Structures are given as structure tokens and as C-alpha cells.
């Protein structure tokens, strides 16, 4: 009757939440239950899902033993979990401005870094799921990714090793990493031109449970190679 997380391992926001939960599972004091949801197969539109989450969005969490609380949207879930459990190491509250800086990135995410998924990852994933479809223009995808990475670097990495100038990662880094890291992880191209982005990615890869959380993405990459995509 504890925390239930609904999502998919390939989903970027779901991986961000899963990563935090894996790193904090001992702090929670109990295991969490993961329920696989596949939006592309219509799972989020089924009444069994929308009855719980009317927004029909995943990831989502359900806490039956906490006033039957339900919440969707990755960034909202990350903030909620940190505030509920006092995880100030991931969501600083030492001063109002520090937390506001994290919120600033999270609020901008859907119109900035999220383009890495919408404009780059999705076309490649569709080419894997439908091999008979049109060929992917990898040069065009790389141009989009490099442009977004340069913007991310100049906006968020210029004042410190992690997003927003912090000396340690926050939930903003978890949310951003799953967008940018998936591009080289999927062999769309080898590396980013911006050294700050590459150094930041390397720091994030050292966090606990990195490979556990990204295992499904690695399997998708292996399938992509097998298909010659």
C-alpha cells in the first residue's frame, strides 16, 4: 500500500523519477512498486488509468495509504517527493532563491531541453519500431541536438558544474540529463561539441544507479544497431 509509480523505462521523465527513487529507496524506508504504462499503446487513455489520473499523463504516482493521493507530471512528482521526504540534497531549501533557480529550469524544460526528445529521439525510436518507414536524417538531428545543447550550456552550466550553478546535482539535473544523454546513448552521434555539456554528462554518469535506470535505453540502442538504423 506504499508508493506506486506508473510509467515506462524509456520515458525521459519516468527515468528521472525512477533514478531519484532508486537513490533514495533506503530513505523512503520501503520499496516502491513500479507499474509499466505504455502511452504509445494507449495505456494512458484507458479508463483504468484515467480513473486514477484524469490528466492521462505519465509518469504518475499513487499513494493509497496517504489520503489516496495521486499526482502526474515528472517535475511535479520530483518536487513533491523531495518536499515530502525533506530531500534537500536534491531540492535545496537553504534559501528561497536556490529553490527558485531549480524551479526556473523545471518550468522551462518543456520548451527547451524537451526538444531533444520531441525532435530527435522520437524520429529515431519510430524508425526502430517501424523499420519499413523513411530513413532518418541523422545530420539534421545532430544539428538540432547541438543547437539545444549549446543553449543549455550557456544558460545553465556557465556558473558551476551542475544546472543553475550548483556544486551538487539537483532534480533539475536529473530532468535535463535524460534528455541530453539519450542522444549519444542511442548512437545518434558520438558526442556534443560543447565541452561543458560533455563534462556535465560525465559527472552525472557517476551517480548511483545510472546504468540500472538506463538499461532499457541501452537495449533499445542494441536493437537499433541490429537493425542497422
Protein backbone atom coordinates (compact mmCIF):
# COMPACT_ATOMS: atom_id res chain seq x y z
CA UNK A 1 0.00 0.00 0.00
CA UNK A 2 3.02 2.27 -0.35
CA UNK A 3 4.18 4.38 -3.26
CA UNK A 4 3.16 3.21 -6.73
CA UNK A 5 4.88 4.68 -9.78
CA UNK A 6 3.29 4.40 -13.21
CA UNK A 7 5.49 4.94 -16.24
CA UNK A 8 7.80 3.42 -18.83
CA UNK A 9 11.54 2.88 -18.57
CA UNK A 10 12.18 4.55 -21.92
CA UNK A 11 10.26 7.68 -20.88
CA UNK A 12 12.62 10.51 -20.00
CA UNK A 13 10.55 11.99 -17.13
CA UNK A 14 9.85 8.49 -15.77
CA UNK A 15 13.56 7.68 -15.76
CA UNK A 16 14.24 10.88 -13.81
CA UNK A 17 11.74 9.88 -11.12
CA UNK A 18 12.95 6.28 -11.08
CA UNK A 19 16.53 7.46 -10.67
CA UNK A 20 15.70 9.59 -7.65
CA UNK A 21 13.66 6.80 -6.07
CA UNK A 22 16.43 4.25 -6.58
CA UNK A 23 18.96 6.59 -4.98
CA UNK A 24 16.61 7.25 -2.07
CA UNK A 25 14.97 3.86 -1.56
CA UNK A 26 16.53 3.37 1.88
CA UNK A 27 15.44 6.85 2.93
CA UNK A 28 11.86 6.01 1.95
CA UNK A 29 12.03 3.05 4.29
CA UNK A 30 10.26 0.75 1.87
CA UNK A 31 10.36 -0.40 -1.72
CA UNK A 32 8.16 1.29 -4.28
CA UNK A 33 6.01 -0.53 -6.81
CA UNK A 34 6.59 0.19 -10.49
CA UNK A 35 3.67 -0.28 -12.87
CA UNK A 36 4.59 -0.29 -16.55
CA UNK A 37 2.48 2.02 -18.72
CA UNK A 38 2.88 2.28 -22.50
CA UNK A 39 1.38 5.54 -23.82
CA UNK A 40 2.06 4.56 -27.44
CA UNK A 41 -0.21 1.54 -26.97
CA UNK A 42 -2.94 3.67 -25.46
CA UNK A 43 -2.45 2.68 -21.83
CA UNK A 44 -2.80 6.24 -20.57
CA UNK A 45 -6.17 6.59 -22.32
CA UNK A 46 -7.70 3.51 -20.72
CA UNK A 47 -10.30 4.08 -18.02
CA UNK A 48 -8.22 2.03 -15.59
CA UNK A 49 -5.59 4.78 -15.85
CA UNK A 50 -7.71 7.90 -16.32
CA UNK A 51 -9.89 6.97 -13.35
CA UNK A 52 -6.75 7.40 -11.27
CA UNK A 53 -5.12 10.20 -13.27
CA UNK A 54 -7.63 12.37 -15.19
CA UNK A 55 -4.84 14.26 -16.99
CA UNK A 56 -3.94 10.96 -18.75
CA UNK A 57 -0.25 11.72 -18.33
CA UNK A 58 2.63 9.58 -17.14
CA UNK A 59 4.72 9.25 -15.12
CA UNK A 60 2.29 9.34 -12.25
CA UNK A 61 2.31 8.27 -8.62
CA UNK A 62 -0.36 6.87 -6.32
CA UNK A 63 -0.13 6.67 -2.54
CA UNK A 64 -3.14 4.65 -1.34
CA UNK A 65 -2.05 4.92 2.28
CA UNK A 66 -1.60 8.71 2.13
CA UNK A 67 -5.16 10.01 1.69
CA UNK A 68 -5.24 8.10 -1.60
CA UNK A 69 -3.02 10.80 -3.10
CA UNK A 70 -2.45 10.82 -6.87
CA UNK A 71 -0.12 13.02 -8.92
CA UNK A 72 1.06 13.13 -12.54
CA UNK A 73 3.84 15.01 -14.40
CA UNK A 74 7.50 14.22 -13.81
CA UNK A 75 8.66 17.59 -12.47
CA UNK A 76 5.72 17.86 -10.07
CA UNK A 77 6.45 14.35 -8.79
CA UNK A 78 10.14 15.13 -8.23
CA UNK A 79 9.29 18.28 -6.29
CA UNK A 80 6.63 16.53 -4.24
CA UNK A 81 8.86 13.60 -3.27
CA UNK A 82 11.68 15.91 -2.22
CA UNK A 83 9.43 18.17 -0.19
CA UNK A 84 7.60 15.27 1.46
CA UNK A 85 10.79 13.44 2.42
CA UNK A 86 12.97 16.51 3.13
CA UNK A 87 15.46 15.55 0.43
CA UNK A 88 17.17 18.93 0.49
CA UNK A 89 20.27 17.48 -1.12
CA UNK A 90 18.22 17.18 -4.33
CA UNK A 91 15.87 20.14 -3.90
CA UNK A 92 17.69 22.81 -1.87
CA UNK A 93 15.67 24.88 0.55
CA UNK A 94 18.50 26.63 2.35
CA UNK A 95 17.25 29.82 0.79
CA UNK A 96 14.31 30.78 -1.37
CA UNK A 97 16.45 31.79 -4.33
CA UNK A 98 18.22 28.41 -4.55
CA UNK A 99 14.95 26.54 -4.81
CA UNK A 100 13.62 29.14 -7.26
CA UNK A 101 16.63 28.50 -9.52
CA UNK A 102 15.79 24.80 -9.67
CA UNK A 103 12.15 25.64 -10.37
CA UNK A 104 13.21 28.01 -13.12
CA UNK A 105 14.82 25.18 -15.05
CA UNK A 106 11.94 22.78 -14.42
CA UNK A 107 9.46 25.40 -15.65
CA UNK A 108 11.42 25.98 -18.85
CA UNK A 109 12.13 22.34 -19.60
CA UNK A 110 9.17 21.57 -21.86
CA UNK A 111 10.01 24.39 -24.30
CA UNK A 112 13.80 23.91 -24.29
CA UNK A 113 15.60 20.65 -23.44
CA UNK A 114 12.49 18.60 -24.18
CA UNK A 115 13.11 19.26 -27.88
CA UNK A 116 15.83 16.59 -27.68
CA UNK A 117 13.08 14.02 -27.29
CA UNK A 118 10.38 15.53 -29.48
CA UNK A 119 12.59 16.43 -32.45
CA UNK A 120 15.45 13.91 -32.18
CA UNK A 121 14.71 10.85 -30.04
CA UNK A 122 11.17 10.23 -31.27
CA UNK A 123 12.07 10.02 -35.00
CA UNK A 124 14.83 7.52 -34.24
CA UNK A 125 12.61 5.46 -31.96
CA UNK A 126 9.90 5.36 -34.63
CA UNK A 127 12.45 4.15 -37.17
CA UNK A 128 13.21 1.24 -34.83
CA UNK A 129 9.56 0.42 -34.22
CA UNK A 130 8.69 0.75 -37.93
CA UNK A 131 11.82 -0.29 -39.86
CA UNK A 132 9.96 -0.05 -43.17
CA UNK A 133 9.48 3.69 -42.67
CA UNK A 134 11.55 6.53 -44.19
CA UNK A 135 15.26 6.81 -43.45
CA UNK A 136 16.34 9.10 -40.63
CA UNK A 137 18.28 12.27 -41.48
CA UNK A 138 20.93 11.97 -38.77
CA UNK A 139 22.78 15.10 -39.85
CA UNK A 140 19.63 17.15 -39.31
CA UNK A 141 19.02 15.52 -35.93
CA UNK A 142 22.56 16.25 -34.82
CA UNK A 143 22.18 19.92 -35.81
CA UNK A 144 19.06 20.22 -33.64
CA UNK A 145 20.75 18.47 -30.71
CA UNK A 146 23.95 20.51 -30.85
CA UNK A 147 22.00 23.76 -31.01
CA UNK A 148 19.91 22.81 -27.99
CA UNK A 149 22.98 21.66 -26.06
CA UNK A 150 24.79 24.94 -26.75
CA UNK A 151 21.76 26.88 -25.49
CA UNK A 152 21.55 24.68 -22.41
CA UNK A 153 25.24 25.13 -21.66
CA UNK A 154 25.27 28.91 -21.99
CA UNK A 155 22.10 29.25 -19.91
CA UNK A 156 22.52 26.63 -17.18
CA UNK A 157 26.12 25.42 -16.96
CA UNK A 158 28.16 28.60 -17.17
CA UNK A 159 28.28 29.26 -13.41
CA UNK A 160 29.03 25.86 -11.94
CA UNK A 161 29.34 22.11 -12.52
CA UNK A 162 25.61 21.42 -12.34
CA UNK A 163 22.41 23.01 -13.63
CA UNK A 164 21.90 26.51 -12.26
CA UNK A 165 25.42 26.84 -10.92
CA UNK A 166 25.07 24.37 -8.04
CA UNK A 167 28.04 22.40 -6.73
CA UNK A 168 25.96 19.22 -6.46
CA UNK A 169 23.21 17.82 -8.71
CA UNK A 170 19.57 18.62 -8.10
CA UNK A 171 16.33 17.29 -9.56
CA UNK A 172 16.88 19.79 -12.39
CA UNK A 173 19.94 17.79 -13.43
CA UNK A 174 18.02 14.52 -13.33
CA UNK A 175 15.33 16.00 -15.55
CA UNK A 176 17.82 17.51 -18.02
CA UNK A 177 20.18 14.54 -18.16
CA UNK A 178 17.62 12.09 -19.50
CA UNK A 179 17.03 14.44 -22.44
CA UNK A 180 20.60 15.13 -23.47
CA UNK A 181 22.29 11.83 -22.57
CA UNK A 182 19.93 9.71 -24.67
CA UNK A 183 21.24 11.23 -27.92
CA UNK A 184 24.80 9.80 -27.74
CA UNK A 185 23.50 6.76 -25.82
CA UNK A 186 21.37 5.95 -28.88
CA UNK A 187 24.33 6.39 -31.27
CA UNK A 188 22.63 9.35 -32.95
CA UNK A 189 26.06 10.95 -32.83
CA UNK A 190 29.17 10.38 -30.73
CA UNK A 191 29.44 13.47 -28.54
CA UNK A 192 28.40 17.08 -28.07
CA UNK A 193 30.65 19.86 -29.32
CA UNK A 194 30.25 21.81 -26.09
CA UNK A 195 32.83 20.66 -23.53
CA UNK A 196 30.75 21.85 -20.59
CA UNK A 197 27.89 19.60 -21.64
CA UNK A 198 30.19 16.60 -22.05
CA UNK A 199 31.80 17.20 -18.66
CA UNK A 200 28.39 17.56 -17.03
CA UNK A 201 27.18 14.31 -18.63
CA UNK A 202 30.28 12.53 -17.34
CA UNK A 203 29.62 13.77 -13.80
CA UNK A 204 26.02 12.61 -13.95
CA UNK A 205 27.02 9.14 -15.19
CA UNK A 206 28.91 8.66 -11.92
CA UNK A 207 25.73 8.89 -9.84
CA UNK A 208 24.45 5.68 -8.21
CA UNK A 209 22.05 3.50 -10.22
CA UNK A 210 22.77 5.25 -13.52
CA UNK A 211 23.06 2.04 -15.52
CA UNK A 212 20.13 0.42 -13.71
CA UNK A 213 17.81 3.24 -14.70
CA UNK A 214 19.02 3.40 -18.30
CA UNK A 215 19.15 -0.33 -19.02
CA UNK A 216 16.07 -0.30 -21.28
CA UNK A 217 17.54 2.53 -23.31
CA UNK A 218 20.73 0.50 -23.80
CA UNK A 219 18.59 -2.41 -25.01
CA UNK A 220 16.84 -0.10 -27.47
CA UNK A 221 20.25 1.02 -28.74
CA UNK A 222 21.30 -2.60 -29.24
CA UNK A 223 18.16 -3.21 -31.28
CA UNK A 224 18.87 -0.09 -33.34
CA UNK A 225 22.35 -1.41 -34.15
CA UNK A 226 20.98 -4.82 -35.05
CA UNK A 227 18.53 -3.24 -37.50
CA UNK A 228 21.29 -1.08 -38.95
CA UNK A 229 19.39 2.11 -38.18
